[in-house]
N, C-alpha and C. Protein backbone atom coordinates (compact mmCIF):
# COMPACT_ATOMS: atom_id res chain seq x y z
N MET A 1 42.34 141.84 120.95
CA MET A 1 43.00 141.34 121.97
C MET A 1 44.26 140.85 121.55
N LYS A 2 45.26 141.03 122.41
CA LYS A 2 46.63 140.58 122.14
C LYS A 2 46.41 139.08 122.29
N THR A 3 47.35 138.19 121.58
CA THR A 3 47.25 136.44 121.58
C THR A 3 48.63 136.35 122.85
N ARG A 4 48.17 135.44 123.86
CA ARG A 4 49.34 135.07 124.58
C ARG A 4 49.64 133.87 124.65
N THR A 5 51.06 133.45 125.21
CA THR A 5 51.49 132.42 125.29
C THR A 5 51.17 131.24 126.29
N HIS A 6 50.85 129.93 126.19
CA HIS A 6 50.06 129.32 127.07
C HIS A 6 51.37 128.76 127.87
N ARG A 7 51.38 129.53 128.99
CA ARG A 7 52.50 129.48 129.84
C ARG A 7 52.93 127.95 130.46
N SER A 8 52.20 126.95 130.60
CA SER A 8 52.55 125.72 131.15
C SER A 8 53.03 125.03 129.77
N SER A 9 52.47 125.10 128.75
CA SER A 9 52.76 124.71 127.44
C SER A 9 54.72 124.95 127.13
N ALA A 10 54.73 126.32 127.70
CA ALA A 10 56.07 127.01 127.23
C ALA A 10 57.00 126.59 127.99
N LYS A 11 56.84 125.90 129.19
CA LYS A 11 57.64 124.93 129.88
C LYS A 11 57.70 123.74 129.68
N ARG A 12 57.20 123.22 128.98
CA ARG A 12 57.32 121.75 128.53
C ARG A 12 57.55 121.35 127.11
N PHE A 13 57.42 122.39 126.40
CA PHE A 13 57.77 122.50 124.58
C PHE A 13 59.22 123.41 124.79
N ARG A 14 59.79 122.57 123.80
CA ARG A 14 61.30 123.48 123.06
C ARG A 14 61.10 123.75 121.51
N ILE A 15 61.27 124.97 121.25
CA ILE A 15 61.34 124.92 119.71
C ILE A 15 62.86 124.83 119.39
N SER A 16 63.14 124.11 118.26
CA SER A 16 64.42 124.27 117.73
C SER A 16 64.78 125.40 116.86
N GLY A 17 65.84 125.37 116.15
CA GLY A 17 66.35 126.66 115.53
C GLY A 17 65.49 126.47 114.09
N THR A 18 65.22 125.41 113.79
CA THR A 18 64.59 125.10 112.59
C THR A 18 62.82 125.23 112.86
N GLY A 19 62.50 125.30 113.94
CA GLY A 19 61.15 125.36 114.27
C GLY A 19 60.46 124.02 114.74
N ARG A 20 61.05 123.27 114.78
CA ARG A 20 60.64 121.86 115.01
C ARG A 20 60.08 122.11 116.88
N ILE A 21 59.32 121.10 117.36
CA ILE A 21 58.77 120.99 118.60
C ILE A 21 59.15 119.96 119.23
N PHE A 22 60.18 120.05 120.70
CA PHE A 22 60.47 119.06 121.23
C PHE A 22 59.51 118.76 122.47
N HIS A 23 59.70 117.55 122.93
CA HIS A 23 59.24 117.18 124.36
C HIS A 23 59.88 116.30 124.96
N ARG A 24 59.64 116.08 126.46
CA ARG A 24 60.25 114.98 127.32
C ARG A 24 59.62 113.53 126.92
N ARG A 25 59.75 112.47 126.80
CA ARG A 25 59.20 111.36 126.80
C ARG A 25 58.50 111.04 128.40
N ALA A 26 57.29 110.63 127.90
CA ALA A 26 56.62 110.31 129.15
C ALA A 26 57.01 109.14 129.73
N ASN A 27 56.93 108.52 131.01
CA ASN A 27 56.91 107.73 132.02
C ASN A 27 58.61 107.16 131.92
N ARG A 28 59.28 108.47 131.92
CA ARG A 28 60.76 107.97 132.17
C ARG A 28 61.35 108.92 133.08
N LYS A 29 60.41 109.02 134.35
CA LYS A 29 60.88 110.07 135.57
C LYS A 29 61.61 108.54 136.83
N HIS A 30 61.02 107.83 137.09
CA HIS A 30 61.61 106.86 138.19
C HIS A 30 61.71 105.41 137.79
N LYS A 31 62.18 104.52 138.45
CA LYS A 31 62.07 103.22 138.59
C LYS A 31 62.74 102.88 137.08
N LEU A 32 64.23 103.48 136.67
CA LEU A 32 64.83 103.50 135.82
C LEU A 32 66.15 102.52 135.88
N SER A 33 66.04 101.82 137.18
CA SER A 33 67.27 100.85 137.44
C SER A 33 66.80 99.62 136.98
N LYS A 34 65.86 99.38 136.52
CA LYS A 34 65.23 98.07 136.06
C LYS A 34 65.53 98.33 134.62
N MET A 35 65.75 99.29 133.90
CA MET A 35 65.68 99.73 132.52
C MET A 35 67.00 99.21 131.94
N ARG A 36 67.36 98.87 130.91
CA ARG A 36 68.33 98.79 129.68
C ARG A 36 69.12 100.03 129.98
N PRO A 37 70.47 100.51 130.01
CA PRO A 37 71.07 101.33 130.01
C PRO A 37 71.06 101.98 128.66
N GLN A 38 70.73 101.26 127.59
CA GLN A 38 69.90 101.60 126.27
C GLN A 38 68.69 102.66 126.38
N TYR A 39 68.33 102.27 126.98
CA TYR A 39 66.65 102.80 127.19
C TYR A 39 66.79 103.97 127.72
N ARG A 40 67.85 103.89 129.06
CA ARG A 40 68.01 104.89 130.24
C ARG A 40 68.64 106.56 129.19
N ARG A 41 69.42 105.98 128.41
CA ARG A 41 70.16 107.10 127.41
C ARG A 41 68.94 107.44 126.68
N GLU A 42 68.16 106.57 126.27
CA GLU A 42 66.99 107.22 125.31
C GLU A 42 66.38 108.16 125.86
N ALA A 43 65.89 107.83 127.01
CA ALA A 43 64.49 108.28 127.84
C ALA A 43 65.12 110.01 128.05
N LYS A 44 66.36 110.36 128.15
CA LYS A 44 67.12 111.38 128.23
C LYS A 44 67.05 112.69 127.41
N ARG A 45 66.73 111.98 125.99
CA ARG A 45 66.98 112.81 124.63
C ARG A 45 65.46 113.24 124.23
N PRO A 46 65.14 114.80 124.01
CA PRO A 46 63.63 115.06 123.93
C PRO A 46 63.56 114.26 122.36
N VAL A 47 61.94 114.13 122.13
CA VAL A 47 61.52 114.08 120.84
C VAL A 47 60.64 114.90 120.27
N GLU A 48 60.53 114.70 119.29
CA GLU A 48 59.67 115.84 118.17
C GLU A 48 58.47 115.63 118.29
N ALA A 49 57.44 116.59 118.40
CA ALA A 49 56.07 116.08 118.25
C ALA A 49 55.43 115.68 117.34
N CYS A 50 54.45 114.49 117.50
CA CYS A 50 53.89 114.10 116.36
C CYS A 50 53.11 115.19 115.38
N GLY A 51 52.87 114.74 114.16
CA GLY A 51 52.06 115.71 113.03
C GLY A 51 50.88 116.45 113.71
N ALA A 52 50.37 115.03 114.53
CA ALA A 52 48.95 115.70 114.59
C ALA A 52 48.38 117.08 115.59
N ASP A 53 49.83 116.89 116.73
CA ASP A 53 49.67 117.95 117.46
C ASP A 53 50.46 119.11 117.31
N ARG A 54 51.39 119.12 116.10
CA ARG A 54 52.13 120.37 115.77
C ARG A 54 51.23 121.86 115.52
N LYS A 55 50.11 121.72 115.17
CA LYS A 55 49.20 122.82 114.56
C LYS A 55 48.83 123.46 115.96
N ARG A 56 47.92 123.00 116.80
CA ARG A 56 47.82 123.09 118.25
C ARG A 56 48.66 123.50 119.07
N LEU A 57 50.23 122.87 118.85
CA LEU A 57 51.14 123.52 119.78
C LEU A 57 51.55 124.70 119.27
N ARG A 58 51.67 125.05 117.78
CA ARG A 58 52.12 126.49 117.54
C ARG A 58 51.26 127.10 118.03
N ARG A 59 50.08 127.24 117.97
CA ARG A 59 48.94 127.93 118.36
C ARG A 59 49.26 128.52 119.90
N MET A 60 49.37 127.66 120.46
CA MET A 60 49.35 127.34 122.01
C MET A 60 50.71 128.24 122.58
N LEU A 61 51.77 128.10 121.80
CA LEU A 61 53.27 128.58 121.85
C LEU A 61 53.01 130.06 121.00
N ASN A 62 52.30 130.53 120.54
CA ASN A 62 52.31 131.51 119.88
C ASN A 62 53.55 131.98 118.79
N ILE A 63 53.44 130.98 117.86
CA ILE A 63 54.67 130.62 116.96
C ILE A 63 54.05 131.25 115.69
C-alpha cells in the first residue's frame, strides 16, 4: 500500500531547504493590540518544531 501525506499536517507545517520543519506559533491570532510590538513581530515568524515531534512529523509529512 502506498504511503500518503497527512493533508492537514501538510497545510500547517513547512519544510525548509535544509529539511527543518517549521510551524506558526500558538495563541497569536487576535488581541495583539495589547502586546508589545516586539512580541507582535515575533508572532509572525515561524518557529522550528521541537525535537520530540520531529520523528512523528516526518512520518506524517512523508519525508
